[in-house]
Structure formats: structure tokens, C-alpha cells
């Protein structure tokens, strides 16, 4: 039974909950009956994403920390976050008059400082940041398609290969990818074409002047959306998989608001 509590701004509305509830794993047939309210687990994760709250400081009116973390780990590993993301993304694309699956993507990376001790930490010499890189691919609406978190010492070209390998598993129909000058060079362009039959188009920013660049602004706006999620202000996760999971949760939060259910 859900206990009454004062609502938080990050809580799901009834219609938002109806969008994702059918896509969460059902209760196991064997074992004790589930006593945890999954809506409150999702609310706790959205609260943590928005506020940057530590696990040990999760408010007591949410499910216990160990319970919430258990669901977070399970949904991270069993593809639940990917499935919820897929459903919301396809709803938004269809509502916008586009096909269910995209045929083009925009890629970029964001270097994030590490908050505490984390695995696979590195130094991004170009941006002079010690931490990890968040490599993302988004569609033309700015919706997350794939994410790979890796050491900041890995450059854009190598990171793009890691990202594209994952993107192609979910979206084999991608025919074109836009990227900035950090991904330039014929070896990477030829690799995209030979490996995935995909065209890599470099969109460069004009020097010494501000100008909104076609296609590039889309992924930059997505990173701007993520800035509202304080959990992503730094990379606080020890495991790369957990860092990727929080980016997916942030993306789910963005998509729930873009659908604007009352």
C-alpha cells in the first residue's frame, strides 16, 4: 500500500506512470509477493537524477535505499531502461509525424569530471578534464538513441567506433550520421561506410563567430537538457554502466515531459 506523502516536483503524474508502468518487469511467479510500490521506486530515481541526491541521503518517505538501488541495478542490467526509453521515444516520433525508427543520427561527446573514485578514469587533453566521456547519439528530435561512457583519454574517433557499434545493434537502419570536426578524417569516414554502410558527414563550426550550426545544435541541446539533472553535473558513478544508466534515466525524464501528459 502506497503511503501518503507530500509530493516532490520530480514525481510522476498519473498519466506519466501509465505510460511506463506496463513496460516494467512483472512480479516473479515464485517467491514472496512484491510489497514495493514500483511507482515510488521510479519517483525516487527521478528525484535522485534531478537533485543529485546521494544514495545515503535518499529521503525516508521513498522506498529504502537498498530496495531502490536493487531495482536500479536490475533495470540497468536487464534492459528495462532501454525498453522504457524505446517506448517513449517512438511515441514522440510518431506524434511528430516521423517514422518509428530513425534513419539518421547526430553524435557528440561530453567530458565530465569525476566526483569520487571511479573506474576507467582518464585525462582529456583537449578540454583539460580528468574523468570520463559521455558519447551519445540522438535522432533529429534530440532524443537519445545510444550512449557509451568511457575514459576521457579515448579520443572522439575511437569513441565514435564504440558508440556506433552499440547504435547499430538497436538501429541497423541508420544511414547517415552527423558529427563535428573532432570526428573528421577519411579513415573514420571509410570505416563508417565499410562497417555499417553509413555516411559520416562532418559539420564544422565557423571560426571566430557565433552561429547556430545545422544538425550540431540538436545534440548540444540534448546535453543542455541533461544539465537540468544534477546527478549528471559530474560523473559520480564507479561503474561505467551505472553512469550510462543515469543518462538513460535523465533521457526518460526529458521524454516524459515532452509527451506532456496531464
C-alpha atoms as a PDB file:
ATOM      1  CA  UNK A   1       0.000   0.000   0.000  1.00  0.00           C
ATOM      2  CA  UNK A   2       1.374   3.365  -1.023  1.00  0.00           C
ATOM      3  CA  UNK A   3       1.847   5.670   1.955  1.00  0.00           C
ATOM      4  CA  UNK A   4       0.633   9.214   1.576  1.00  0.00           C
ATOM      5  CA  UNK A   5       3.426  11.774   1.464  1.00  0.00           C
ATOM      6  CA  UNK A   6       3.975  15.297   0.297  1.00  0.00           C
ATOM      7  CA  UNK A   7       4.686  15.260  -3.460  1.00  0.00           C
ATOM      8  CA  UNK A   8       8.030  16.278  -4.957  1.00  0.00           C
ATOM      9  CA  UNK A   9       8.250  18.285  -8.215  1.00  0.00           C
ATOM     10  CA  UNK A  10      10.009  15.321  -9.836  1.00  0.00           C
ATOM     11  CA  UNK A  11       7.150  12.875  -9.115  1.00  0.00           C
ATOM     12  CA  UNK A  12       5.333  11.161 -11.953  1.00  0.00           C
ATOM     13  CA  UNK A  13       1.823  12.253 -12.809  1.00  0.00           C
ATOM     14  CA  UNK A  14      -0.831   9.554 -13.121  1.00  0.00           C
ATOM     15  CA  UNK A  15      -0.692   9.640 -16.932  1.00  0.00           C
ATOM     16  CA  UNK A  16       3.110   9.576 -16.978  1.00  0.00           C
ATOM     17  CA  UNK A  17       3.024   6.492 -14.771  1.00  0.00           C
ATOM     18  CA  UNK A  18       0.518   4.854 -17.120  1.00  0.00           C
ATOM     19  CA  UNK A  19       2.986   5.335 -19.971  1.00  0.00           C
ATOM     20  CA  UNK A  20       5.819   3.369 -18.366  1.00  0.00           C
ATOM     21  CA  UNK A  21       4.137   1.004 -15.872  1.00  0.00           C
ATOM     22  CA  UNK A  22       3.302  -1.711 -18.480  1.00  0.00           C
ATOM     23  CA  UNK A  23       6.968  -1.891 -19.503  1.00  0.00           C
ATOM     24  CA  UNK A  24       8.456  -2.595 -16.071  1.00  0.00           C
ATOM     25  CA  UNK A  25       9.218  -6.242 -15.214  1.00  0.00           C
ATOM     26  CA  UNK A  26       6.239  -8.106 -13.726  1.00  0.00           C
ATOM     27  CA  UNK A  27       6.289  -9.675 -10.308  1.00  0.00           C
ATOM     28  CA  UNK A  28       8.066 -13.030 -10.191  1.00  0.00           C
ATOM     29  CA  UNK A  29       5.799 -16.073 -10.011  1.00  0.00           C
ATOM     30  CA  UNK A  30       7.881 -17.727  -7.309  1.00  0.00           C
ATOM     31  CA  UNK A  31       8.937 -16.107  -4.068  1.00  0.00           C
ATOM     32  CA  UNK A  32       7.302 -13.652  -1.732  1.00  0.00           C
ATOM     33  CA  UNK A  33       4.686 -11.236  -3.066  1.00  0.00           C
ATOM     34  CA  UNK A  34       6.041  -7.840  -4.055  1.00  0.00           C
ATOM     35  CA  UNK A  35       5.420  -5.225  -1.384  1.00  0.00           C
ATOM     36  CA  UNK A  36       7.330  -2.376  -3.027  1.00  0.00           C
ATOM     37  CA  UNK A  37       5.397   0.236  -4.997  1.00  0.00           C
ATOM     38  CA  UNK A  38       7.299   0.474  -8.303  1.00  0.00           C
ATOM     39  CA  UNK A  39       5.892   3.937  -8.946  1.00  0.00           C
ATOM     40  CA  UNK A  40       7.658   5.114  -5.805  1.00  0.00           C
ATOM     41  CA  UNK A  41      10.889   3.451  -6.945  1.00  0.00           C
ATOM     42  CA  UNK A  42      10.691   5.364 -10.228  1.00  0.00           C
ATOM     43  CA  UNK A  43       9.883   8.566  -8.318  1.00  0.00           C
ATOM     44  CA  UNK A  44      12.960   8.000  -6.153  1.00  0.00           C
ATOM     45  CA  UNK A  45      15.210   7.569  -9.204  1.00  0.00           C
ATOM     46  CA  UNK A  46      13.782  10.683 -10.864  1.00  0.00           C
ATOM     47  CA  UNK A  47      14.292  12.590  -7.601  1.00  0.00           C
ATOM     48  CA  UNK A  48      17.917  11.475  -7.430  1.00  0.00           C
ATOM     49  CA  UNK A  49      18.501  12.347 -11.077  1.00  0.00           C
ATOM     50  CA  UNK A  50      17.020  15.821 -10.724  1.00  0.00           C
ATOM     51  CA  UNK A  51      18.548  16.759  -7.346  1.00  0.00           C
ATOM     52  CA  UNK A  52      21.856  14.876  -7.436  1.00  0.00           C
ATOM     53  CA  UNK A  53      20.992  13.279  -4.099  1.00  0.00           C
ATOM     54  CA  UNK A  54      23.385  10.648  -2.745  1.00  0.00           C
ATOM     55  CA  UNK A  55      22.091   7.148  -2.121  1.00  0.00           C
ATOM     56  CA  UNK A  56      22.696   7.559   1.606  1.00  0.00           C
ATOM     57  CA  UNK A  57      20.616  10.760   1.655  1.00  0.00           C
ATOM     58  CA  UNK A  58      17.538   9.454  -0.141  1.00  0.00           C
ATOM     59  CA  UNK A  59      14.501  10.821   1.769  1.00  0.00           C
ATOM     60  CA  UNK A  60      12.899   8.310   4.096  1.00  0.00           C
ATOM     61  CA  UNK A  61       9.460   8.663   2.504  1.00  0.00           C
ATOM     62  CA  UNK A  62      10.768   6.822  -0.564  1.00  0.00           C
ATOM     63  CA  UNK A  63      11.384   3.045  -0.516  1.00  0.00           C
ATOM     64  CA  UNK A  64      14.548   2.067   1.415  1.00  0.00           C
ATOM     65  CA  UNK A  65      17.874   2.844  -0.215  1.00  0.00           C
ATOM     66  CA  UNK A  66      18.794  -0.821  -0.585  1.00  0.00           C
ATOM     67  CA  UNK A  67      15.470  -1.579  -2.271  1.00  0.00           C
ATOM     68  CA  UNK A  68      15.707   1.372  -4.651  1.00  0.00           C
ATOM     69  CA  UNK A  69      19.319   0.572  -5.514  1.00  0.00           C
ATOM     70  CA  UNK A  70      18.378  -3.055  -6.122  1.00  0.00           C
ATOM     71  CA  UNK A  71      15.772  -2.064  -8.689  1.00  0.00           C
ATOM     72  CA  UNK A  72      18.165   0.467 -10.233  1.00  0.00           C
ATOM     73  CA  UNK A  73      20.821  -2.230 -10.695  1.00  0.00           C
ATOM     74  CA  UNK A  74      18.328  -4.752 -12.057  1.00  0.00           C
ATOM     75  CA  UNK A  75      16.774  -2.326 -14.553  1.00  0.00           C
ATOM     76  CA  UNK A  76      20.244  -1.176 -15.592  1.00  0.00           C
ATOM     77  CA  UNK A  77      21.323  -4.723 -16.409  1.00  0.00           C
ATOM     78  CA  UNK A  78      18.155  -6.357 -17.776  1.00  0.00           C
ATOM     79  CA  UNK A  79      17.338  -3.743 -20.429  1.00  0.00           C
ATOM     80  CA  UNK A  80      14.316  -2.234 -18.671  1.00  0.00           C
ATOM     81  CA  UNK A  81      15.640   1.320 -19.033  1.00  0.00           C
ATOM     82  CA  UNK A  82      16.272   0.690 -22.735  1.00  0.00           C
ATOM     83  CA  UNK A  83      12.735  -0.635 -23.219  1.00  0.00           C
ATOM     84  CA  UNK A  84      11.092   2.309 -21.452  1.00  0.00           C
ATOM     85  CA  UNK A  85      13.255   4.678 -23.497  1.00  0.00           C
ATOM     86  CA  UNK A  86      12.241   2.918 -26.717  1.00  0.00           C
ATOM     87  CA  UNK A  87       8.526   3.164 -25.979  1.00  0.00           C
ATOM     88  CA  UNK A  88       8.636   6.859 -25.078  1.00  0.00           C
ATOM     89  CA  UNK A  89      10.916   7.744 -27.996  1.00  0.00           C
ATOM     90  CA  UNK A  90       8.683   6.004 -30.519  1.00  0.00           C
ATOM     91  CA  UNK A  91       5.582   7.716 -29.125  1.00  0.00           C
ATOM     92  CA  UNK A  92       7.244  11.120 -29.522  1.00  0.00           C
ATOM     93  CA  UNK A  93       8.485  10.354 -33.034  1.00  0.00           C
ATOM     94  CA  UNK A  94       5.064   9.147 -34.203  1.00  0.00           C
ATOM     95  CA  UNK A  95       3.400  12.164 -32.587  1.00  0.00           C
ATOM     96  CA  UNK A  96       5.841  14.390 -34.517  1.00  0.00           C
ATOM     97  CA  UNK A  97       4.889  12.690 -37.789  1.00  0.00           C
ATOM     98  CA  UNK A  98       8.105  10.712 -38.153  1.00  0.00           C
ATOM     99  CA  UNK A  99       8.780   7.021 -38.648  1.00  0.00           C
ATOM    100  CA  UNK A 100       9.069   4.805 -35.611  1.00  0.00           C
ATOM    101  CA  UNK A 101      12.755   4.088 -36.273  1.00  0.00           C
ATOM    102  CA  UNK A 102      15.235   6.812 -37.257  1.00  0.00           C
ATOM    103  CA  UNK A 103      17.427   6.674 -40.351  1.00  0.00           C
ATOM    104  CA  UNK A 104      19.841   9.413 -39.237  1.00  0.00           C
ATOM    105  CA  UNK A 105      21.638  10.363 -36.041  1.00  0.00           C
ATOM    106  CA  UNK A 106      23.797  13.106 -34.571  1.00  0.00           C
ATOM    107  CA  UNK A 107      26.753  12.151 -32.351  1.00  0.00           C
ATOM    108  CA  UNK A 108      28.902  14.090 -29.914  1.00  0.00           C
ATOM    109  CA  UNK A 109      30.773  13.649 -26.656  1.00  0.00           C
ATOM    110  CA  UNK A 110      30.813  15.464 -23.345  1.00  0.00           C
ATOM    111  CA  UNK A 111      33.734  15.222 -20.924  1.00  0.00           C
ATOM    112  CA  UNK A 112      32.679  15.078 -17.271  1.00  0.00           C
ATOM    113  CA  UNK A 113      34.884  15.461 -14.211  1.00  0.00           C
ATOM    114  CA  UNK A 114      34.903  12.529 -11.842  1.00  0.00           C
ATOM    115  CA  UNK A 115      33.362  13.171  -8.455  1.00  0.00           C
ATOM    116  CA  UNK A 116      34.920  10.329  -6.453  1.00  0.00           C
ATOM    117  CA  UNK A 117      36.994   7.249  -7.173  1.00  0.00           C
ATOM    118  CA  UNK A 118      35.718   5.688 -10.401  1.00  0.00           C
ATOM    119  CA  UNK A 119      36.924   3.011 -12.787  1.00  0.00           C
ATOM    120  CA  UNK A 120      38.442   3.790 -16.193  1.00  0.00           C
ATOM    121  CA  UNK A 121      39.232   7.409 -15.398  1.00  0.00           C
ATOM    122  CA  UNK A 122      41.399   9.329 -17.884  1.00  0.00           C
ATOM    123  CA  UNK A 123      42.536  12.792 -18.926  1.00  0.00           C
ATOM    124  CA  UNK A 124      41.021  14.669 -21.866  1.00  0.00           C
ATOM    125  CA  UNK A 125      43.995  16.751 -23.034  1.00  0.00           C
ATOM    126  CA  UNK A 126      41.861  18.820 -25.442  1.00  0.00           C
ATOM    127  CA  UNK A 127      39.454  20.012 -22.744  1.00  0.00           C
ATOM    128  CA  UNK A 128      41.877  19.530 -19.848  1.00  0.00           C
ATOM    129  CA  UNK A 129      39.398  17.481 -17.854  1.00  0.00           C
ATOM    130  CA  UNK A 130      40.137  14.399 -15.788  1.00  0.00           C
ATOM    131  CA  UNK A 131      37.239  11.984 -15.784  1.00  0.00           C
ATOM    132  CA  UNK A 132      35.176  10.165 -18.386  1.00  0.00           C
ATOM    133  CA  UNK A 133      33.440  10.962 -21.661  1.00  0.00           C
ATOM    134  CA  UNK A 134      29.754  10.574 -22.360  1.00  0.00           C
ATOM    135  CA  UNK A 135      29.383   9.659 -26.005  1.00  0.00           C
ATOM    136  CA  UNK A 136      25.791   9.951 -27.202  1.00  0.00           C
ATOM    137  CA  UNK A 137      23.820   9.505 -30.397  1.00  0.00           C
ATOM    138  CA  UNK A 138      20.483  11.294 -30.780  1.00  0.00           C
ATOM    139  CA  UNK A 139      17.858  11.470 -33.517  1.00  0.00           C
ATOM    140  CA  UNK A 140      16.852  14.672 -35.309  1.00  0.00           C
ATOM    141  CA  UNK A 141      14.429  15.452 -32.456  1.00  0.00           C
ATOM    142  CA  UNK A 142      17.256  15.272 -29.925  1.00  0.00           C
ATOM    143  CA  UNK A 143      16.028  12.019 -28.369  1.00  0.00           C
ATOM    144  CA  UNK A 144      18.660   9.656 -27.014  1.00  0.00           C
ATOM    145  CA  UNK A 145      19.373   6.636 -29.213  1.00  0.00           C
ATOM    146  CA  UNK A 146      22.539   5.236 -27.650  1.00  0.00           C
ATOM    147  CA  UNK A 147      25.122   6.158 -25.034  1.00  0.00           C
ATOM    148  CA  UNK A 148      28.598   4.890 -24.196  1.00  0.00           C
ATOM    149  CA  UNK A 149      30.606   6.133 -21.226  1.00  0.00           C
ATOM    150  CA  UNK A 150      34.353   5.599 -21.429  1.00  0.00           C
ATOM    151  CA  UNK A 151      37.659   7.004 -20.238  1.00  0.00           C
ATOM    152  CA  UNK A 152      38.280  10.640 -21.177  1.00  0.00           C
ATOM    153  CA  UNK A 153      41.651   9.623 -22.643  1.00  0.00           C
ATOM    154  CA  UNK A 154      39.872   7.916 -25.561  1.00  0.00           C
ATOM    155  CA  UNK A 155      39.575  10.403 -28.406  1.00  0.00           C
ATOM    156  CA  UNK A 156      36.441  11.170 -30.422  1.00  0.00           C
ATOM    157  CA  UNK A 157      37.294   8.906 -33.339  1.00  0.00           C
ATOM    158  CA  UNK A 158      37.815   5.826 -31.187  1.00  0.00           C
ATOM    159  CA  UNK A 159      34.823   6.724 -29.034  1.00  0.00           C
ATOM    160  CA  UNK A 160      32.683   7.032 -32.160  1.00  0.00           C
ATOM    161  CA  UNK A 161      33.510   3.440 -33.063  1.00  0.00           C
ATOM    162  CA  UNK A 162      32.398   2.245 -29.615  1.00  0.00           C
ATOM    163  CA  UNK A 163      29.207   4.270 -29.907  1.00  0.00           C
ATOM    164  CA  UNK A 164      28.432   3.172 -33.458  1.00  0.00           C
ATOM    165  CA  UNK A 165      28.884  -0.490 -32.564  1.00  0.00           C
ATOM    166  CA  UNK A 166      26.162  -0.104 -29.933  1.00  0.00           C
ATOM    167  CA  UNK A 167      23.946   2.150 -32.050  1.00  0.00           C
ATOM    168  CA  UNK A 168      23.915  -0.345 -34.915  1.00  0.00           C
ATOM    169  CA  UNK A 169      22.590  -3.105 -32.632  1.00  0.00           C
ATOM    170  CA  UNK A 170      19.432  -1.122 -31.898  1.00  0.00           C
ATOM    171  CA  UNK A 171      19.144   0.829 -35.154  1.00  0.00           C
ATOM    172  CA  UNK A 172      20.595  -1.077 -38.134  1.00  0.00           C
ATOM    173  CA  UNK A 173      18.600   1.261 -40.382  1.00  0.00           C
ATOM    174  CA  UNK A 174      20.827   4.284 -39.635  1.00  0.00           C
ATOM    175  CA  UNK A 175      22.113   5.540 -42.998  1.00  0.00           C
ATOM    176  CA  UNK A 176      23.651   8.880 -42.062  1.00  0.00           C
ATOM    177  CA  UNK A 177      25.440  10.335 -39.043  1.00  0.00           C
ATOM    178  CA  UNK A 178      26.341  13.987 -38.476  1.00  0.00           C
ATOM    179  CA  UNK A 179      29.301  14.934 -36.275  1.00  0.00           C
ATOM    180  CA  UNK A 180      31.599  17.885 -35.577  1.00  0.00           C
ATOM    181  CA  UNK A 181      35.201  18.457 -36.651  1.00  0.00           C
ATOM    182  CA  UNK A 182      36.575  16.213 -33.908  1.00  0.00           C
ATOM    183  CA  UNK A 183      35.469  13.221 -35.956  1.00  0.00           C
ATOM    184  CA  UNK A 184      36.982  14.351 -39.254  1.00  0.00           C
ATOM    185  CA  UNK A 185      39.350  12.242 -41.322  1.00  0.00           C
ATOM    186  CA  UNK A 186      38.955   9.767 -44.148  1.00  0.00           C
ATOM    187  CA  UNK A 187      39.865   6.661 -42.066  1.00  0.00           C
ATOM    188  CA  UNK A 188      36.832   7.089 -39.791  1.00  0.00           C
ATOM    189  CA  UNK A 189      34.565   8.051 -42.699  1.00  0.00           C
ATOM    190  CA  UNK A 190      35.677   4.968 -44.620  1.00  0.00           C
ATOM    191  CA  UNK A 191      35.179   2.807 -41.506  1.00  0.00           C
ATOM    192  CA  UNK A 192      31.567   4.015 -41.152  1.00  0.00           C
ATOM    193  CA  UNK A 193      30.884   3.220 -44.788  1.00  0.00           C
ATOM    194  CA  UNK A 194      32.578  -0.188 -44.849  1.00  0.00           C
ATOM    195  CA  UNK A 195      31.361  -1.416 -41.477  1.00  0.00           C
ATOM    196  CA  UNK A 196      27.790  -0.109 -41.393  1.00  0.00           C
ATOM    197  CA  UNK A 197      27.117   1.217 -44.909  1.00  0.00           C
ATOM    198  CA  UNK A 198      26.572   4.560 -43.212  1.00  0.00           C
ATOM    199  CA  UNK A 199      27.635   8.043 -44.355  1.00  0.00           C
ATOM    200  CA  UNK A 200      29.534  10.148 -41.811  1.00  0.00           C
ATOM    201  CA  UNK A 201      29.089  13.849 -42.560  1.00  0.00           C
ATOM    202  CA  UNK A 202      31.229  16.397 -40.735  1.00  0.00           C
ATOM    203  CA  UNK A 203      29.553  19.702 -39.894  1.00  0.00           C
ATOM    204  CA  UNK A 204      32.153  22.285 -38.912  1.00  0.00           C
ATOM    205  CA  UNK A 205      31.543  25.428 -36.910  1.00  0.00           C
ATOM    206  CA  UNK A 206      32.611  28.776 -38.480  1.00  0.00           C
ATOM    207  CA  UNK A 207      35.737  30.211 -36.876  1.00  0.00           C
ATOM    208  CA  UNK A 208      35.714  33.402 -34.782  1.00  0.00           C
ATOM    209  CA  UNK A 209      31.962  33.914 -34.935  1.00  0.00           C
ATOM    210  CA  UNK A 210      28.871  32.567 -33.222  1.00  0.00           C
ATOM    211  CA  UNK A 211      26.467  30.752 -35.459  1.00  0.00           C
ATOM    212  CA  UNK A 212      23.890  28.054 -34.928  1.00  0.00           C
ATOM    213  CA  UNK A 213      25.165  25.129 -36.964  1.00  0.00           C
ATOM    214  CA  UNK A 214      22.690  22.878 -38.721  1.00  0.00           C
ATOM    215  CA  UNK A 215      22.346  19.428 -37.079  1.00  0.00           C
ATOM    216  CA  UNK A 216      25.030  20.094 -34.450  1.00  0.00           C
ATOM    217  CA  UNK A 217      22.741  22.232 -32.304  1.00  0.00           C
ATOM    218  CA  UNK A 218      20.432  19.233 -31.879  1.00  0.00           C
ATOM    219  CA  UNK A 219      22.840  17.151 -29.816  1.00  0.00           C
ATOM    220  CA  UNK A 220      24.114  20.241 -27.999  1.00  0.00           C
ATOM    221  CA  UNK A 221      20.541  20.957 -26.946  1.00  0.00           C
ATOM    222  CA  UNK A 222      20.271  17.395 -25.639  1.00  0.00           C
ATOM    223  CA  UNK A 223      23.324  17.975 -23.440  1.00  0.00           C
ATOM    224  CA  UNK A 224      21.610  21.188 -22.321  1.00  0.00           C
ATOM    225  CA  UNK A 225      18.553  19.174 -21.253  1.00  0.00           C
ATOM    226  CA  UNK A 226      20.828  16.898 -19.251  1.00  0.00           C
ATOM    227  CA  UNK A 227      22.234  19.911 -17.401  1.00  0.00           C
ATOM    228  CA  UNK A 228      18.922  20.110 -15.536  1.00  0.00           C
ATOM    229  CA  UNK A 229      19.762  16.748 -13.969  1.00  0.00           C
ATOM    230  CA  UNK A 230      22.178  17.445 -11.120  1.00  0.00           C
ATOM    231  CA  UNK A 231      23.174  13.802 -10.948  1.00  0.00           C
ATOM    232  CA  UNK A 232      24.985  14.445 -14.243  1.00  0.00           C
ATOM    233  CA  UNK A 233      26.814  17.589 -13.068  1.00  0.00           C
ATOM    234  CA  UNK A 234      29.828  15.314 -12.530  1.00  0.00           C
ATOM    235  CA  UNK A 235      30.443  11.632 -13.047  1.00  0.00           C
ATOM    236  CA  UNK A 236      29.752  10.216  -9.586  1.00  0.00           C
ATOM    237  CA  UNK A 237      29.366   6.565 -10.621  1.00  0.00           C
ATOM    238  CA  UNK A 238      32.049   3.971 -10.017  1.00  0.00           C
ATOM    239  CA  UNK A 239      30.919   1.761 -12.915  1.00  0.00           C
ATOM    240  CA  UNK A 240      30.541   2.961 -16.491  1.00  0.00           C
ATOM    241  CA  UNK A 241      27.296   1.003 -16.769  1.00  0.00           C
ATOM    242  CA  UNK A 242      25.797   2.987 -13.894  1.00  0.00           C
ATOM    243  CA  UNK A 243      26.880   6.265 -15.477  1.00  0.00           C
ATOM    244  CA  UNK A 244      25.126   5.212 -18.691  1.00  0.00           C
ATOM    245  CA  UNK A 245      22.018   4.243 -16.702  1.00  0.00           C
ATOM    246  CA  UNK A 246      21.693   7.714 -15.184  1.00  0.00           C
ATOM    247  CA  UNK A 247      21.916   9.281 -18.636  1.00  0.00           C
ATOM    248  CA  UNK A 248      19.089   6.988 -19.738  1.00  0.00           C
ATOM    249  CA  UNK A 249      17.024   7.956 -16.674  1.00  0.00           C
ATOM    250  CA  UNK A 250      17.640  11.640 -17.453  1.00  0.00           C
ATOM    251  CA  UNK A 251      16.525  10.997 -21.028  1.00  0.00           C
ATOM    252  CA  UNK A 252      13.378   9.221 -19.830  1.00  0.00           C
ATOM    253  CA  UNK A 253      12.612  12.236 -17.636  1.00  0.00           C
ATOM    254  CA  UNK A 254      13.016  14.573 -20.624  1.00  0.00           C
ATOM    255  CA  UNK A 255      10.782  12.432 -22.846  1.00  0.00           C
ATOM    256  CA  UNK A 256       8.043  12.161 -20.216  1.00  0.00           C
ATOM    257  CA  UNK A 257       7.862  15.939 -20.147  1.00  0.00           C
ATOM    258  CA  UNK A 258       7.969  16.221 -23.935  1.00  0.00           C
ATOM    259  CA  UNK A 259       4.923  13.984 -24.209  1.00  0.00           C
ATOM    260  CA  UNK A 260       3.194  16.385 -21.787  1.00  0.00           C
ATOM    261  CA  UNK A 261       0.574  14.010 -20.419  1.00  0.00           C
ATOM    262  CA  UNK A 262      -1.584  15.805 -17.860  1.00  0.00           C
END
